[in-house]
N, C-alpha and C. Protein backbone atom coordinates (compact mmCIF):
# COMPACT_ATOMS: atom_id res chain seq x y z
N UNK A 1 79.77 116.70 86.31
CA UNK A 1 80.58 115.65 84.89
C UNK A 1 81.80 114.84 85.82
N UNK A 2 81.33 113.82 85.09
CA UNK A 2 81.90 112.50 85.79
C UNK A 2 84.03 112.46 84.43
N UNK A 3 84.56 112.25 85.70
CA UNK A 3 85.91 111.28 84.82
C UNK A 3 85.50 110.20 83.64
N UNK A 4 86.27 110.20 82.41
CA UNK A 4 85.30 109.11 81.71
C UNK A 4 86.23 108.42 81.28
N UNK A 5 87.56 108.06 81.67
CA UNK A 5 88.45 107.17 82.17
C UNK A 5 88.73 107.27 83.04
N UNK A 6 88.68 105.84 83.85
CA UNK A 6 89.34 105.79 85.26
C UNK A 6 90.62 105.10 85.05
N UNK A 7 91.99 106.61 85.72
CA UNK A 7 92.82 106.23 85.80
C UNK A 7 93.43 105.65 87.28
N UNK A 8 94.02 104.94 87.11
CA UNK A 8 94.89 104.67 88.49
C UNK A 8 95.41 104.91 88.11
N UNK A 9 96.88 105.13 89.30
CA UNK A 9 98.36 105.26 88.57
C UNK A 9 99.12 104.47 90.32
N UNK A 10 99.89 103.14 89.80
CA UNK A 10 100.74 102.44 90.62
C UNK A 10 101.93 103.08 90.95
N UNK A 11 102.31 103.11 92.50
CA UNK A 11 103.46 103.58 93.00
C UNK A 11 104.52 103.16 92.06
N UNK A 12 104.77 101.84 91.64
CA UNK A 12 106.03 101.33 90.61
C UNK A 12 106.11 102.28 89.14
N UNK A 13 104.70 102.77 88.62
CA UNK A 13 105.02 103.67 87.99
C UNK A 13 105.64 104.96 88.18
N UNK A 14 105.40 105.52 88.86
CA UNK A 14 105.51 107.11 89.53
C UNK A 14 107.10 107.25 90.12
N UNK A 15 107.02 106.03 90.99
CA UNK A 15 108.41 106.08 91.44
C UNK A 15 109.63 105.82 90.73
N UNK A 16 109.75 105.27 89.26
CA UNK A 16 110.34 104.74 87.78
C UNK A 16 110.76 106.38 87.58
N UNK A 17 109.63 106.84 87.36
CA UNK A 17 109.94 108.13 86.69
C UNK A 17 110.09 109.89 87.12
N UNK A 18 110.03 109.04 88.49
CA UNK A 18 110.88 110.74 89.88
C UNK A 18 109.49 110.31 90.67
N UNK A 19 109.92 111.74 91.79
CA UNK A 19 108.96 111.34 92.80
C UNK A 19 108.22 112.74 92.56
N UNK A 20 107.18 112.77 92.62
CA UNK A 20 105.65 113.40 93.36
C UNK A 20 106.26 114.44 94.52
N UNK A 21 106.18 115.56 94.32
CA UNK A 21 105.77 116.89 95.62
C UNK A 21 104.58 116.05 96.19
N UNK A 22 104.65 116.70 97.52
CA UNK A 22 103.55 116.09 98.37
C UNK A 22 102.34 116.90 98.31
N UNK A 23 102.67 117.78 97.57
CA UNK A 23 101.21 118.67 97.02
C UNK A 23 100.31 117.65 95.74
N UNK A 24 101.03 117.18 95.20
CA UNK A 24 101.44 116.57 93.65
C UNK A 24 100.72 114.81 94.32
N UNK A 25 101.11 114.56 95.20
CA UNK A 25 100.35 113.19 95.53
C UNK A 25 98.89 113.21 95.95
N UNK A 26 98.96 114.39 96.60
CA UNK A 26 97.82 114.77 97.50
C UNK A 26 96.95 114.80 96.76
N UNK A 27 97.49 115.49 95.27
CA UNK A 27 95.79 115.83 94.96
C UNK A 27 96.07 114.77 93.76
N UNK A 28 96.84 113.90 93.33
CA UNK A 28 96.57 112.20 92.48
C UNK A 28 95.87 111.03 93.28
N UNK A 29 95.86 111.76 94.68
CA UNK A 29 94.67 110.97 95.35
C UNK A 29 93.46 111.63 95.63
N UNK A 30 93.55 112.32 96.32
CA UNK A 30 91.82 113.24 96.20
C UNK A 30 91.10 113.03 94.47
N UNK A 31 91.97 113.03 93.29
CA UNK A 31 91.25 112.69 92.43
C UNK A 31 91.05 111.64 91.82
N UNK A 32 91.63 110.55 92.65
CA UNK A 32 91.38 108.99 92.45
C UNK A 32 92.61 108.41 91.70
N UNK A 33 93.69 108.89 91.58
CA UNK A 33 94.18 108.50 90.62
C UNK A 33 95.60 107.23 91.60
N UNK A 34 95.55 107.90 92.10
CA UNK A 34 96.19 107.20 93.09
C UNK A 34 95.39 106.33 94.12
N UNK A 35 95.32 105.47 94.44
CA UNK A 35 95.32 104.39 95.35
C UNK A 35 95.98 104.61 96.95
N UNK A 36 95.20 104.49 97.97
CA UNK A 36 95.32 104.60 99.53
C UNK A 36 96.87 104.07 99.35
N UNK A 37 97.31 102.32 99.29
CA UNK A 37 98.34 102.03 99.64
C UNK A 37 99.67 102.36 98.40
N UNK A 38 99.20 102.37 97.46
CA UNK A 38 100.13 103.39 96.15
C UNK A 38 101.10 104.49 96.82
N UNK A 39 99.66 105.32 97.27
CA UNK A 39 100.07 107.04 97.87
C UNK A 39 101.53 106.45 99.38
N UNK A 40 100.47 105.43 99.76
CA UNK A 40 101.98 105.43 101.00
C UNK A 40 103.26 104.77 100.80
N UNK A 41 103.15 103.66 99.41
CA UNK A 41 104.66 103.49 99.09
C UNK A 41 105.11 104.33 98.82
N UNK A 42 104.46 105.29 97.75
CA UNK A 42 105.57 106.32 96.85
C UNK A 42 105.65 107.50 98.19
N UNK A 43 104.98 107.79 99.22
CA UNK A 43 105.83 108.39 99.97
C UNK A 43 107.12 107.47 100.88
N UNK A 44 106.82 106.35 101.14
CA UNK A 44 107.88 105.22 101.77
C UNK A 44 109.19 105.69 100.94
N UNK A 45 108.84 105.11 98.87
CA UNK A 45 109.58 105.65 98.37
C UNK A 45 110.51 106.96 98.49
N UNK A 46 110.38 107.93 98.79
CA UNK A 46 110.22 109.45 98.92
C UNK A 46 111.72 109.64 100.35
N UNK A 47 111.06 108.76 101.70
CA UNK A 47 111.53 108.54 102.48
C UNK A 47 112.68 108.07 102.74
N UNK A 48 112.90 106.22 101.63
CA UNK A 48 113.99 106.00 101.57
C UNK A 48 115.08 106.21 100.74
N UNK A 49 114.77 107.66 100.20
CA UNK A 49 116.08 108.02 99.34
C UNK A 49 115.83 109.80 99.54
N UNK A 50 115.59 109.80 101.09
CA UNK A 50 116.11 111.28 101.69
C UNK A 50 115.80 112.03 101.61
N UNK A 51 114.37 112.15 100.74
CA UNK A 51 113.80 113.22 100.67
C UNK A 51 113.31 114.25 101.26
N UNK A 52 112.91 115.51 101.24
CA UNK A 52 112.58 116.27 102.48
C UNK A 52 110.82 116.12 101.78
N UNK A 53 110.31 115.60 103.43
CA UNK A 53 108.87 115.37 103.15
C UNK A 53 108.22 116.33 104.15
N UNK A 54 106.18 116.83 103.43
CA UNK A 54 105.39 117.61 104.28
C UNK A 54 105.44 116.13 105.75
N UNK A 55 105.03 117.05 106.64
CA UNK A 55 104.54 116.28 107.93
C UNK A 55 103.82 115.21 107.33
N UNK A 56 102.52 115.17 106.64
CA UNK A 56 101.89 114.18 106.29
C UNK A 56 102.12 113.09 105.20
N UNK A 57 103.60 113.56 104.61
CA UNK A 57 103.98 112.40 104.32
C UNK A 57 104.21 111.28 104.32
N UNK A 58 105.78 112.29 105.51
CA UNK A 58 106.69 111.52 106.32
C UNK A 58 105.14 110.28 107.40
N UNK A 59 104.11 111.01 107.95
CA UNK A 59 103.36 109.73 108.65
C UNK A 59 103.15 108.41 107.63
N UNK A 60 103.28 109.11 106.09
CA UNK A 60 102.28 107.80 104.92
C UNK A 60 102.86 107.24 105.31
N UNK A 61 104.32 107.39 105.09
CA UNK A 61 105.62 106.50 105.01
C UNK A 61 105.73 105.97 105.62
N UNK A 62 105.30 106.51 107.17
CA UNK A 62 105.50 104.93 108.09
C UNK A 62 104.64 104.85 108.74
N UNK A 63 102.87 104.67 107.98
CA UNK A 63 101.82 103.75 108.59
C UNK A 63 102.43 102.14 108.21
N UNK A 64 101.51 101.53 109.14
CA UNK A 64 101.18 100.05 109.30
C UNK A 64 100.16 99.52 108.07
N UNK A 65 99.92 98.48 107.26
CA UNK A 65 98.91 98.01 106.51
C UNK A 65 97.78 98.01 108.08
N UNK A 66 97.73 97.64 108.90
CA UNK A 66 96.87 98.10 109.35
C UNK A 66 96.48 99.77 109.73
N UNK A 67 96.93 100.37 109.16
CA UNK A 67 96.39 102.04 109.53
C UNK A 67 96.18 102.68 108.39
N UNK A 68 95.48 101.76 107.24
CA UNK A 68 95.30 102.52 106.17
C UNK A 68 94.14 103.60 106.13
N UNK A 69 94.25 103.00 107.44
CA UNK A 69 92.32 103.75 107.11
C UNK A 69 92.44 105.34 107.15
N UNK A 70 93.64 105.85 108.22
CA UNK A 70 94.02 106.77 107.97
C UNK A 70 94.89 108.03 106.45
N UNK A 71 95.22 107.24 105.25
CA UNK A 71 95.16 107.37 104.29
C UNK A 71 94.40 109.08 104.09
N UNK A 72 93.56 109.02 103.99
CA UNK A 72 92.54 109.65 103.34
C UNK A 72 93.22 111.20 103.96
N UNK A 73 92.88 111.12 105.77
CA UNK A 73 93.02 111.91 106.61
C UNK A 73 94.71 113.20 105.98
N UNK A 74 95.54 111.49 106.03
CA UNK A 74 96.81 112.26 106.03
C UNK A 74 96.77 113.18 104.56
N UNK A 75 96.66 112.71 103.78
CA UNK A 75 96.62 113.30 101.78
C UNK A 75 95.57 114.04 101.96
N UNK A 76 94.38 114.60 102.88
CA UNK A 76 93.77 115.93 102.91
C UNK A 76 95.32 117.31 103.35
N UNK A 77 95.42 116.76 103.46
CA UNK A 77 96.52 117.48 104.50
C UNK A 77 98.21 117.90 103.39
N UNK A 78 97.55 117.37 102.54
CA UNK A 78 98.92 117.40 101.20
C UNK A 78 98.19 118.88 100.14
N UNK A 79 98.53 119.88 100.35
CA UNK A 79 98.06 120.87 99.36
C UNK A 79 99.28 121.91 99.34
N UNK A 80 100.38 121.43 100.09
CA UNK A 80 101.38 121.99 99.56
C UNK A 80 102.78 121.13 100.42
N UNK A 81 103.94 121.69 99.42
CA UNK A 81 105.61 120.84 99.51
C UNK A 81 106.31 121.37 100.03
N UNK A 82 107.03 120.91 100.91
CA UNK A 82 108.32 121.24 100.85
C UNK A 82 109.36 121.41 100.07
N UNK A 83 110.28 121.97 99.93
CA UNK A 83 111.50 121.93 98.75
C UNK A 83 111.74 121.14 98.56
N UNK A 84 111.83 120.04 97.80
CA UNK A 84 113.13 119.18 97.65
C UNK A 84 114.44 119.04 98.10
N UNK A 85 115.30 118.05 98.64
CA UNK A 85 116.44 118.79 99.14
C UNK A 85 117.44 117.92 98.21
N UNK A 86 117.36 116.88 97.13
CA UNK A 86 117.79 116.74 95.70
C UNK A 86 116.99 116.23 94.94
N UNK A 87 117.56 116.32 93.96
CA UNK A 87 116.78 115.71 92.97
C UNK A 87 117.54 113.91 92.75
N UNK A 88 116.07 113.47 92.83
CA UNK A 88 116.66 112.19 92.72
C UNK A 88 115.37 110.78 91.84
N UNK A 89 115.24 109.73 92.14
CA UNK A 89 114.73 109.05 91.31
C UNK A 89 114.29 108.45 89.53
N UNK A 90 114.24 107.93 89.00
CA UNK A 90 114.24 107.29 87.75
C UNK A 90 114.20 106.04 87.77
N UNK A 91 114.92 105.64 86.40
CA UNK A 91 115.19 104.13 86.38
C UNK A 91 116.02 103.39 87.40
N UNK A 92 117.11 104.29 88.00
CA UNK A 92 118.10 103.48 88.77
C UNK A 92 117.49 104.06 90.84
N UNK A 93 116.12 104.28 91.13
CA UNK A 93 115.98 104.88 91.91
C UNK A 93 116.13 103.94 92.71
N UNK A 94 116.11 102.87 92.42
CA UNK A 94 116.55 101.32 93.67
C UNK A 94 115.29 101.47 95.08
N UNK A 95 113.99 101.51 94.13
CA UNK A 95 112.33 100.97 94.52
C UNK A 95 112.01 99.60 94.34
N UNK A 96 111.51 99.22 95.17
CA UNK A 96 111.07 97.63 95.15
C UNK A 96 109.69 98.65 96.89
N UNK A 97 108.32 98.05 95.96
CA UNK A 97 107.22 97.61 96.69
C UNK A 97 107.39 96.62 98.14
N UNK A 98 106.96 97.11 99.15
CA UNK A 98 106.90 96.46 100.60
C UNK A 98 105.84 96.02 100.59
N UNK A 99 104.76 95.69 99.64
CA UNK A 99 103.76 95.03 99.92
C UNK A 99 103.69 94.01 98.70
N UNK A 100 104.19 92.85 99.36
CA UNK A 100 103.77 91.63 98.12
C UNK A 100 102.17 92.34 97.17
N UNK A 101 103.15 91.75 95.47
CA UNK A 101 102.14 91.92 94.97
C UNK A 101 101.50 93.53 94.44
N UNK A 102 102.03 94.22 94.90
CA UNK A 102 102.13 95.49 94.13
C UNK A 102 102.90 96.17 93.51
């Protein structure tokens, strides 16, 4: 059965409401809800907020745009999440996209 509604959730929306766990980020990517560049932006926002990241999330956060072909491989490894080291996020998260126009 295919999805009846094609949902794409931008990174800005996600981090405005908080940070997903690595497992949630991987699930959203595998389901097609989070695009590759958005997965990178979410991981980067978590990295900048000094949250605990799974190794794959840290690699996602530090990818250069020319390395986006690695996103799918890294997202496949996000089936678990380390415990978060602090609560953060919300409207005052200080997030700004590193990619113009995203």
